[in-house]
Amino acid sequence: MQLVLLPANDGMSFMVRFSLMSILGVYAMLFFGCNIASPDKSTCVSCHVNLEPASKSHPSCIECHGGDNQTEDKDVSHRLMYGPKNPSDPIFWDQTCGKCHPYQLARVTSSLMYTNTGMIKNIQKTWEGEDGGRYGTRAEKVFSAKGLALELKGVARLDNLSGELYRK
């Protein structure tokens, strides 16, 4: 299926057709807005000059980091940031990455590297032997690699040498 706005064989010259299409294009951009992607024109990049854009799908600093990208006052622009000292701190993941990527967030926060479940289990095996419980850095619900719900007990509940070694 071909969309024909102006038929080519109607006797109009190329310049007339080109002019009409250009005028239609200008009116369309004025009416609908120009959605051409542009770099972040926020005040973030005026201070943080050597930052590279995260990606085309993450065009704005404040979408992930919070803050106010319209003021030049440093204190005001950082006031609403998620963790001004470390915006990537895991305690903010549900407000930042997790807003758009809930599945990935659930996978990351259920991983052995995040929960330390494997490390705690190996300390138990080495010193006391397993007690049948699943322990993590804190008590929480997580998901296995197959998507099954798991309940982790907090390592603080291990009142033995294994728990003490992990906490040190």
N, C-alpha and C. Protein backbone atom coordinates (compact mmCIF):
# COMPACT_ATOMS: atom_id res chain seq x y z
N MET A 1 0.85 -1.18 0.00
CA MET A 1 0.00 0.00 0.00
C MET A 1 0.88 1.23 0.00
N GLN A 2 0.62 2.15 -0.91
CA GLN A 2 1.44 3.35 -1.04
C GLN A 2 0.59 4.57 -0.73
N LEU A 3 1.13 5.45 0.10
CA LEU A 3 0.45 6.69 0.45
C LEU A 3 0.88 7.76 -0.52
N VAL A 4 -0.10 8.35 -1.24
CA VAL A 4 0.21 9.39 -2.21
C VAL A 4 -0.51 10.65 -1.80
N LEU A 5 0.27 11.66 -1.38
CA LEU A 5 -0.33 12.93 -0.98
C LEU A 5 -0.59 13.82 -2.19
N LEU A 6 0.37 13.83 -3.08
CA LEU A 6 0.23 14.62 -4.30
C LEU A 6 0.62 13.73 -5.48
N PRO A 7 -0.30 13.45 -6.37
CA PRO A 7 0.04 12.60 -7.51
C PRO A 7 1.15 13.23 -8.36
N ALA A 8 2.04 12.38 -8.85
CA ALA A 8 3.19 12.87 -9.61
C ALA A 8 2.82 13.28 -11.03
N ASN A 9 1.77 12.77 -11.59
CA ASN A 9 1.45 13.03 -13.00
C ASN A 9 0.32 14.02 -13.17
N ASP A 10 0.23 15.02 -12.35
CA ASP A 10 -0.86 15.97 -12.47
C ASP A 10 -0.44 17.27 -13.15
N GLY A 11 0.74 17.30 -13.69
CA GLY A 11 1.19 18.50 -14.39
C GLY A 11 1.92 19.49 -13.49
N MET A 12 2.00 19.24 -12.18
CA MET A 12 2.72 20.15 -11.29
C MET A 12 4.21 19.90 -11.43
N SER A 13 4.96 20.95 -11.36
CA SER A 13 6.41 20.80 -11.43
C SER A 13 6.94 20.27 -10.10
N PHE A 14 8.13 19.80 -10.15
CA PHE A 14 8.78 19.29 -8.95
C PHE A 14 8.86 20.36 -7.88
N MET A 15 9.19 21.58 -8.22
CA MET A 15 9.35 22.66 -7.25
C MET A 15 8.02 23.00 -6.58
N VAL A 16 6.92 22.94 -7.30
CA VAL A 16 5.61 23.24 -6.71
C VAL A 16 5.26 22.15 -5.70
N ARG A 17 5.47 20.89 -6.11
CA ARG A 17 5.20 19.78 -5.19
C ARG A 17 6.10 19.86 -3.96
N PHE A 18 7.37 20.16 -4.16
CA PHE A 18 8.31 20.27 -3.06
C PHE A 18 7.90 21.39 -2.11
N SER A 19 7.50 22.52 -2.65
CA SER A 19 7.10 23.65 -1.82
C SER A 19 5.86 23.32 -1.00
N LEU A 20 4.87 22.69 -1.63
CA LEU A 20 3.66 22.32 -0.91
C LEU A 20 3.95 21.31 0.20
N MET A 21 4.79 20.33 -0.09
CA MET A 21 5.16 19.33 0.93
C MET A 21 5.93 19.99 2.07
N SER A 22 6.80 20.92 1.78
CA SER A 22 7.57 21.62 2.81
C SER A 22 6.64 22.42 3.72
N ILE A 23 5.68 23.12 3.11
CA ILE A 23 4.73 23.91 3.90
C ILE A 23 3.89 22.99 4.78
N LEU A 24 3.42 21.88 4.20
CA LEU A 24 2.66 20.90 5.00
C LEU A 24 3.51 20.36 6.15
N GLY A 25 4.78 20.11 5.90
CA GLY A 25 5.67 19.60 6.93
C GLY A 25 5.85 20.60 8.06
N VAL A 26 6.03 21.87 7.72
CA VAL A 26 6.20 22.91 8.74
C VAL A 26 4.93 23.03 9.58
N TYR A 27 3.77 23.04 8.93
CA TYR A 27 2.51 23.12 9.68
C TYR A 27 2.32 21.88 10.58
N ALA A 28 2.69 20.72 10.09
CA ALA A 28 2.56 19.51 10.90
C ALA A 28 3.45 19.59 12.13
N MET A 29 4.68 20.07 11.97
CA MET A 29 5.58 20.20 13.12
C MET A 29 5.06 21.24 14.10
N LEU A 30 4.50 22.33 13.59
CA LEU A 30 3.95 23.35 14.49
C LEU A 30 2.72 22.83 15.23
N PHE A 31 1.89 22.08 14.54
CA PHE A 31 0.66 21.59 15.13
C PHE A 31 0.90 20.42 16.09
N PHE A 32 1.71 19.43 15.66
CA PHE A 32 1.93 18.23 16.46
C PHE A 32 3.16 18.34 17.36
N GLY A 33 4.01 19.27 17.10
CA GLY A 33 5.27 19.38 17.85
C GLY A 33 6.36 18.59 17.16
N CYS A 34 7.54 19.02 17.40
CA CYS A 34 8.69 18.35 16.80
C CYS A 34 9.22 17.33 17.79
N ASN A 35 9.15 16.07 17.47
CA ASN A 35 9.58 15.03 18.38
C ASN A 35 10.97 14.52 18.06
N ILE A 36 11.81 15.39 17.56
CA ILE A 36 13.17 14.99 17.28
C ILE A 36 13.91 14.89 18.61
N ALA A 37 14.56 13.76 18.84
CA ALA A 37 15.27 13.57 20.10
C ALA A 37 16.41 14.57 20.21
N SER A 38 16.49 15.21 21.35
CA SER A 38 17.57 16.15 21.60
C SER A 38 18.27 15.78 22.88
N PRO A 39 19.52 16.19 23.02
CA PRO A 39 20.23 15.87 24.25
C PRO A 39 19.60 16.57 25.44
N ASP A 40 19.91 16.08 26.64
CA ASP A 40 19.38 16.64 27.87
C ASP A 40 19.78 18.11 27.98
N LYS A 41 18.81 19.00 27.94
CA LYS A 41 19.09 20.43 28.05
C LYS A 41 18.87 20.90 29.48
N SER A 42 19.09 20.00 30.41
CA SER A 42 18.87 20.32 31.81
C SER A 42 20.10 21.00 32.39
N THR A 43 19.94 21.52 33.59
CA THR A 43 21.07 22.12 34.27
C THR A 43 22.03 21.06 34.79
N CYS A 44 21.63 19.79 34.77
CA CYS A 44 22.53 18.71 35.22
C CYS A 44 23.83 18.73 34.41
N VAL A 45 23.68 18.80 33.09
CA VAL A 45 24.86 18.72 32.23
C VAL A 45 25.67 20.00 32.21
N SER A 46 25.13 21.10 32.75
CA SER A 46 25.93 22.31 32.81
C SER A 46 26.99 22.22 33.91
N CYS A 47 26.73 21.43 34.95
CA CYS A 47 27.72 21.22 36.02
C CYS A 47 28.49 19.91 35.83
N HIS A 48 27.78 18.87 35.47
CA HIS A 48 28.39 17.55 35.28
C HIS A 48 28.76 17.42 33.80
N VAL A 49 29.80 18.13 33.40
CA VAL A 49 30.10 18.31 31.98
C VAL A 49 30.57 17.07 31.24
N ASN A 50 31.20 16.13 31.88
CA ASN A 50 31.75 14.98 31.16
C ASN A 50 30.87 13.75 31.20
N LEU A 51 29.60 13.91 31.56
CA LEU A 51 28.69 12.77 31.58
C LEU A 51 28.26 12.41 30.17
N GLU A 52 28.25 11.11 29.90
CA GLU A 52 27.71 10.62 28.63
C GLU A 52 26.25 10.29 28.85
N PRO A 53 25.42 10.46 27.83
CA PRO A 53 24.01 10.06 27.98
C PRO A 53 23.95 8.56 28.28
N ALA A 54 23.04 8.17 29.16
CA ALA A 54 22.93 6.76 29.53
C ALA A 54 22.55 5.92 28.30
N SER A 55 21.51 6.32 27.61
CA SER A 55 21.08 5.64 26.39
C SER A 55 19.97 6.46 25.76
N LYS A 56 19.56 6.08 24.56
CA LYS A 56 18.46 6.79 23.90
C LYS A 56 17.15 6.61 24.66
N SER A 57 17.02 5.50 25.36
CA SER A 57 15.78 5.25 26.10
C SER A 57 15.79 5.88 27.50
N HIS A 58 16.92 6.46 27.89
CA HIS A 58 17.04 7.14 29.18
C HIS A 58 17.56 8.56 28.93
N PRO A 59 16.74 9.43 28.35
CA PRO A 59 17.23 10.74 27.92
C PRO A 59 17.43 11.77 29.03
N SER A 60 16.79 11.59 30.15
CA SER A 60 16.83 12.61 31.19
C SER A 60 17.49 12.07 32.45
N CYS A 61 18.32 12.90 33.08
CA CYS A 61 19.00 12.50 34.32
C CYS A 61 17.98 12.25 35.44
N ILE A 62 16.97 13.11 35.54
CA ILE A 62 16.07 13.06 36.69
C ILE A 62 15.12 11.87 36.65
N GLU A 63 14.92 11.26 35.51
CA GLU A 63 14.06 10.08 35.44
C GLU A 63 14.59 8.98 36.35
N CYS A 64 15.90 8.84 36.43
CA CYS A 64 16.50 7.79 37.25
C CYS A 64 17.05 8.32 38.57
N HIS A 65 17.61 9.50 38.54
CA HIS A 65 18.31 10.02 39.72
C HIS A 65 17.47 10.97 40.57
N GLY A 66 16.34 11.43 40.07
CA GLY A 66 15.55 12.42 40.81
C GLY A 66 16.21 13.78 40.73
N GLY A 67 15.75 14.71 41.53
CA GLY A 67 16.33 16.05 41.53
C GLY A 67 15.50 17.01 40.71
N ASP A 68 16.03 18.19 40.51
CA ASP A 68 15.37 19.25 39.75
C ASP A 68 16.33 19.73 38.67
N ASN A 69 16.04 19.42 37.43
CA ASN A 69 16.96 19.77 36.34
C ASN A 69 16.66 21.12 35.70
N GLN A 70 15.87 21.95 36.37
CA GLN A 70 15.54 23.25 35.80
C GLN A 70 16.12 24.42 36.59
N THR A 71 16.80 24.15 37.69
CA THR A 71 17.37 25.22 38.49
C THR A 71 18.89 25.15 38.46
N GLU A 72 19.52 26.29 38.56
CA GLU A 72 20.98 26.32 38.58
C GLU A 72 21.52 26.33 40.01
N ASP A 73 20.65 26.40 41.01
CA ASP A 73 21.08 26.37 42.40
C ASP A 73 21.39 24.92 42.78
N LYS A 74 22.64 24.65 43.12
CA LYS A 74 23.09 23.28 43.40
C LYS A 74 22.27 22.62 44.50
N ASP A 75 22.02 23.33 45.59
CA ASP A 75 21.27 22.73 46.70
C ASP A 75 19.84 22.40 46.30
N VAL A 76 19.20 23.29 45.57
CA VAL A 76 17.82 23.05 45.15
C VAL A 76 17.77 21.90 44.14
N SER A 77 18.72 21.87 43.21
CA SER A 77 18.69 20.83 42.18
C SER A 77 18.96 19.44 42.76
N HIS A 78 19.71 19.36 43.84
CA HIS A 78 20.01 18.06 44.45
C HIS A 78 19.05 17.68 45.58
N ARG A 79 18.21 18.57 46.01
CA ARG A 79 17.35 18.34 47.17
C ARG A 79 16.45 17.11 47.01
N LEU A 80 15.87 16.93 45.85
CA LEU A 80 14.93 15.82 45.65
C LEU A 80 15.57 14.60 44.98
N MET A 81 16.91 14.56 44.96
CA MET A 81 17.58 13.41 44.37
C MET A 81 17.41 12.20 45.27
N TYR A 82 17.43 11.03 44.65
CA TYR A 82 17.40 9.79 45.41
C TYR A 82 18.80 9.55 45.94
N GLY A 83 19.00 9.72 47.22
CA GLY A 83 20.31 9.50 47.82
C GLY A 83 21.36 10.40 47.22
N PRO A 84 21.39 11.68 47.56
CA PRO A 84 22.33 12.62 46.94
C PRO A 84 23.79 12.17 46.95
N LYS A 85 24.18 11.39 47.93
CA LYS A 85 25.57 10.90 47.95
C LYS A 85 25.77 9.72 47.00
N ASN A 86 24.72 8.91 46.82
CA ASN A 86 24.81 7.74 45.94
C ASN A 86 23.44 7.40 45.40
N PRO A 87 23.05 8.02 44.26
CA PRO A 87 21.71 7.76 43.71
C PRO A 87 21.47 6.32 43.28
N SER A 88 22.54 5.53 43.16
CA SER A 88 22.34 4.14 42.75
C SER A 88 22.29 3.20 43.95
N ASP A 89 22.15 3.72 45.15
CA ASP A 89 22.04 2.91 46.35
C ASP A 89 20.82 1.99 46.24
N PRO A 90 20.98 0.71 46.55
CA PRO A 90 19.86 -0.24 46.41
C PRO A 90 18.58 0.15 47.16
N ILE A 91 18.66 0.95 48.20
CA ILE A 91 17.43 1.31 48.90
C ILE A 91 16.51 2.18 48.04
N PHE A 92 17.03 2.73 46.94
CA PHE A 92 16.23 3.57 46.05
C PHE A 92 15.82 2.86 44.77
N TRP A 93 16.25 1.61 44.57
CA TRP A 93 15.99 0.92 43.31
C TRP A 93 14.52 0.83 42.97
N ASP A 94 13.65 0.66 43.96
CA ASP A 94 12.21 0.55 43.64
C ASP A 94 11.66 1.88 43.14
N GLN A 95 12.26 3.00 43.51
CA GLN A 95 11.81 4.32 43.05
C GLN A 95 12.49 4.74 41.75
N THR A 96 13.61 4.10 41.41
CA THR A 96 14.36 4.49 40.22
C THR A 96 14.21 3.42 39.15
N CYS A 97 15.11 2.48 39.09
CA CYS A 97 15.08 1.43 38.06
C CYS A 97 13.78 0.64 38.08
N GLY A 98 13.31 0.33 39.28
CA GLY A 98 12.13 -0.52 39.44
C GLY A 98 10.85 0.08 38.90
N LYS A 99 10.78 1.40 38.74
CA LYS A 99 9.57 2.02 38.17
C LYS A 99 9.31 1.49 36.76
N CYS A 100 10.36 1.37 35.99
CA CYS A 100 10.21 0.94 34.59
C CYS A 100 10.62 -0.52 34.37
N HIS A 101 11.43 -1.05 35.27
CA HIS A 101 11.98 -2.39 35.10
C HIS A 101 11.69 -3.28 36.31
N PRO A 102 10.42 -3.53 36.65
CA PRO A 102 10.10 -4.32 37.86
C PRO A 102 10.59 -5.76 37.78
N TYR A 103 10.52 -6.37 36.62
CA TYR A 103 10.95 -7.76 36.48
C TYR A 103 12.46 -7.87 36.74
N GLN A 104 13.24 -6.98 36.11
CA GLN A 104 14.69 -7.02 36.28
C GLN A 104 15.07 -6.72 37.73
N LEU A 105 14.36 -5.80 38.37
CA LEU A 105 14.63 -5.48 39.76
C LEU A 105 14.39 -6.71 40.65
N ALA A 106 13.30 -7.41 40.41
CA ALA A 106 13.01 -8.61 41.19
C ALA A 106 14.09 -9.67 40.99
N ARG A 107 14.59 -9.81 39.79
CA ARG A 107 15.66 -10.78 39.52
C ARG A 107 16.95 -10.39 40.21
N VAL A 108 17.33 -9.11 40.14
CA VAL A 108 18.58 -8.66 40.76
C VAL A 108 18.51 -8.81 42.28
N THR A 109 17.41 -8.38 42.88
CA THR A 109 17.31 -8.44 44.34
C THR A 109 17.10 -9.86 44.86
N SER A 110 16.87 -10.81 43.98
CA SER A 110 16.76 -12.21 44.38
C SER A 110 18.04 -12.99 44.11
N SER A 111 19.03 -12.35 43.55
CA SER A 111 20.25 -13.06 43.17
C SER A 111 21.11 -13.40 44.38
N LEU A 112 21.92 -14.43 44.22
CA LEU A 112 22.83 -14.84 45.29
C LEU A 112 23.80 -13.72 45.66
N MET A 113 24.19 -12.93 44.68
CA MET A 113 25.14 -11.85 44.95
C MET A 113 24.51 -10.75 45.81
N TYR A 114 23.23 -10.52 45.64
CA TYR A 114 22.55 -9.47 46.41
C TYR A 114 22.16 -9.97 47.80
N THR A 115 21.65 -11.18 47.90
CA THR A 115 21.17 -11.69 49.18
C THR A 115 22.27 -12.36 50.00
N ASN A 116 23.38 -12.73 49.37
CA ASN A 116 24.49 -13.46 50.02
C ASN A 116 24.06 -14.83 50.53
N THR A 117 22.98 -15.36 49.98
CA THR A 117 22.47 -16.65 50.42
C THR A 117 23.51 -17.76 50.28
N GLY A 118 24.23 -17.77 49.17
CA GLY A 118 25.25 -18.80 48.94
C GLY A 118 26.39 -18.70 49.93
N MET A 119 26.84 -17.49 50.21
CA MET A 119 27.92 -17.29 51.16
C MET A 119 27.52 -17.76 52.56
N ILE A 120 26.32 -17.39 52.96
CA ILE A 120 25.83 -17.79 54.29
C ILE A 120 25.71 -19.31 54.38
N LYS A 121 25.19 -19.93 53.32
CA LYS A 121 25.04 -21.39 53.31
C LYS A 121 26.41 -22.07 53.39
N ASN A 122 27.41 -21.55 52.69
CA ASN A 122 28.75 -22.15 52.74
C ASN A 122 29.40 -21.98 54.10
N ILE A 123 29.17 -20.86 54.76
CA ILE A 123 29.70 -20.68 56.12
C ILE A 123 29.05 -21.70 57.04
N GLN A 124 27.73 -21.90 56.89
CA GLN A 124 27.03 -22.91 57.70
C GLN A 124 27.61 -24.30 57.47
N LYS A 125 27.79 -24.67 56.19
CA LYS A 125 28.31 -25.99 55.88
C LYS A 125 29.70 -26.19 56.49
N THR A 126 30.49 -25.15 56.49
CA THR A 126 31.85 -25.25 57.00
C THR A 126 31.89 -25.40 58.52
N TRP A 127 31.03 -24.70 59.24
CA TRP A 127 31.16 -24.65 60.70
C TRP A 127 30.13 -25.49 61.44
N GLU A 128 28.88 -25.42 61.16
CA GLU A 128 27.86 -26.16 61.92
C GLU A 128 27.10 -27.20 61.11
N GLY A 129 27.09 -27.03 59.83
CA GLY A 129 26.22 -27.84 58.99
C GLY A 129 24.90 -27.10 58.79
N GLU A 130 24.25 -27.40 57.69
CA GLU A 130 23.00 -26.69 57.36
C GLU A 130 21.90 -27.07 58.34
N ASP A 131 21.04 -26.09 58.61
CA ASP A 131 19.90 -26.37 59.49
C ASP A 131 18.59 -26.46 58.72
N GLY A 132 18.67 -26.45 57.39
CA GLY A 132 17.47 -26.56 56.56
C GLY A 132 16.81 -25.24 56.23
N GLY A 133 17.26 -24.16 56.83
CA GLY A 133 16.67 -22.84 56.54
C GLY A 133 17.43 -22.12 55.44
N ARG A 134 16.74 -21.20 54.81
CA ARG A 134 17.38 -20.35 53.80
C ARG A 134 17.59 -18.99 54.43
N TYR A 135 18.82 -18.51 54.41
CA TYR A 135 19.15 -17.25 55.05
C TYR A 135 19.68 -16.25 54.02
N GLY A 136 19.39 -14.99 54.25
CA GLY A 136 19.91 -13.91 53.42
C GLY A 136 20.38 -12.78 54.32
N THR A 137 20.86 -11.72 53.72
CA THR A 137 21.33 -10.59 54.50
C THR A 137 20.21 -10.01 55.36
N ARG A 138 18.96 -10.17 54.90
CA ARG A 138 17.79 -9.74 55.68
C ARG A 138 16.63 -10.68 55.33
N ALA A 139 15.65 -10.72 56.21
CA ALA A 139 14.47 -11.53 55.97
C ALA A 139 13.65 -10.89 54.84
N GLU A 140 13.34 -11.66 53.82
CA GLU A 140 12.57 -11.12 52.71
C GLU A 140 12.08 -12.25 51.80
N LYS A 141 11.12 -11.90 50.95
CA LYS A 141 10.65 -12.82 49.94
C LYS A 141 11.44 -12.55 48.66
N VAL A 142 11.94 -13.62 48.06
CA VAL A 142 12.70 -13.52 46.81
C VAL A 142 12.16 -14.58 45.86
N PHE A 143 12.77 -14.67 44.67
CA PHE A 143 12.33 -15.64 43.68
C PHE A 143 13.52 -16.45 43.20
N SER A 144 13.30 -17.73 42.98
CA SER A 144 14.35 -18.60 42.44
C SER A 144 14.54 -18.28 40.96
N ALA A 145 15.57 -18.87 40.38
CA ALA A 145 15.82 -18.67 38.95
C ALA A 145 14.65 -19.17 38.10
N LYS A 146 13.86 -20.09 38.64
CA LYS A 146 12.68 -20.61 37.93
C LYS A 146 11.42 -19.79 38.21
N GLY A 147 11.57 -18.74 39.03
CA GLY A 147 10.44 -17.87 39.33
C GLY A 147 9.61 -18.30 40.53
N LEU A 148 10.08 -19.29 41.26
CA LEU A 148 9.34 -19.76 42.44
C LEU A 148 9.61 -18.85 43.63
N ALA A 149 8.58 -18.55 44.40
CA ALA A 149 8.74 -17.69 45.56
C ALA A 149 9.50 -18.43 46.66
N LEU A 150 10.45 -17.73 47.27
CA LEU A 150 11.24 -18.27 48.38
C LEU A 150 11.19 -17.29 49.54
N GLU A 151 11.24 -17.83 50.73
CA GLU A 151 11.23 -17.00 51.94
C GLU A 151 12.62 -17.11 52.57
N LEU A 152 13.33 -15.99 52.67
CA LEU A 152 14.64 -15.97 53.33
C LEU A 152 14.49 -15.48 54.75
N LYS A 153 15.19 -16.15 55.66
CA LYS A 153 15.28 -15.67 57.03
C LYS A 153 16.49 -14.73 57.09
N GLY A 154 16.43 -13.76 57.94
CA GLY A 154 17.56 -12.86 58.10
C GLY A 154 18.71 -13.54 58.82
N VAL A 155 19.93 -13.26 58.40
CA VAL A 155 21.11 -13.88 59.00
C VAL A 155 21.24 -13.52 60.48
N ALA A 156 20.61 -12.47 60.91
CA ALA A 156 20.63 -12.09 62.33
C ALA A 156 20.00 -13.18 63.19
N ARG A 157 19.14 -14.02 62.61
CA ARG A 157 18.49 -15.11 63.36
C ARG A 157 19.43 -16.28 63.60
N LEU A 158 20.57 -16.33 62.90
CA LEU A 158 21.53 -17.41 63.12
C LEU A 158 22.31 -17.09 64.39
N ASP A 159 21.93 -17.71 65.46
CA ASP A 159 22.57 -17.44 66.74
C ASP A 159 23.61 -18.51 67.02
N ASN A 160 24.59 -18.58 66.14
CA ASN A 160 25.66 -19.54 66.30
C ASN A 160 26.93 -18.99 65.63
N LEU A 161 27.96 -19.80 65.54
CA LEU A 161 29.22 -19.33 64.98
C LEU A 161 29.07 -18.88 63.53
N SER A 162 28.25 -19.57 62.74
CA SER A 162 28.05 -19.19 61.33
C SER A 162 27.50 -17.78 61.22
N GLY A 163 26.46 -17.51 62.01
CA GLY A 163 25.87 -16.17 61.98
C GLY A 163 26.86 -15.12 62.44
N GLU A 164 27.61 -15.43 63.46
CA GLU A 164 28.60 -14.50 63.99
C GLU A 164 29.71 -14.23 62.96
N LEU A 165 30.18 -15.28 62.29
CA LEU A 165 31.23 -15.10 61.28
C LEU A 165 30.74 -14.25 60.12
N TYR A 166 29.49 -14.49 59.68
CA TYR A 166 28.97 -13.68 58.58
C TYR A 166 28.85 -12.21 58.98
N ARG A 167 28.34 -11.94 60.15
CA ARG A 167 28.12 -10.55 60.59
C ARG A 167 29.43 -9.80 60.77
N LYS A 168 30.54 -10.50 60.96
CA LYS A 168 31.83 -9.82 61.10
C LYS A 168 32.35 -9.51 59.76
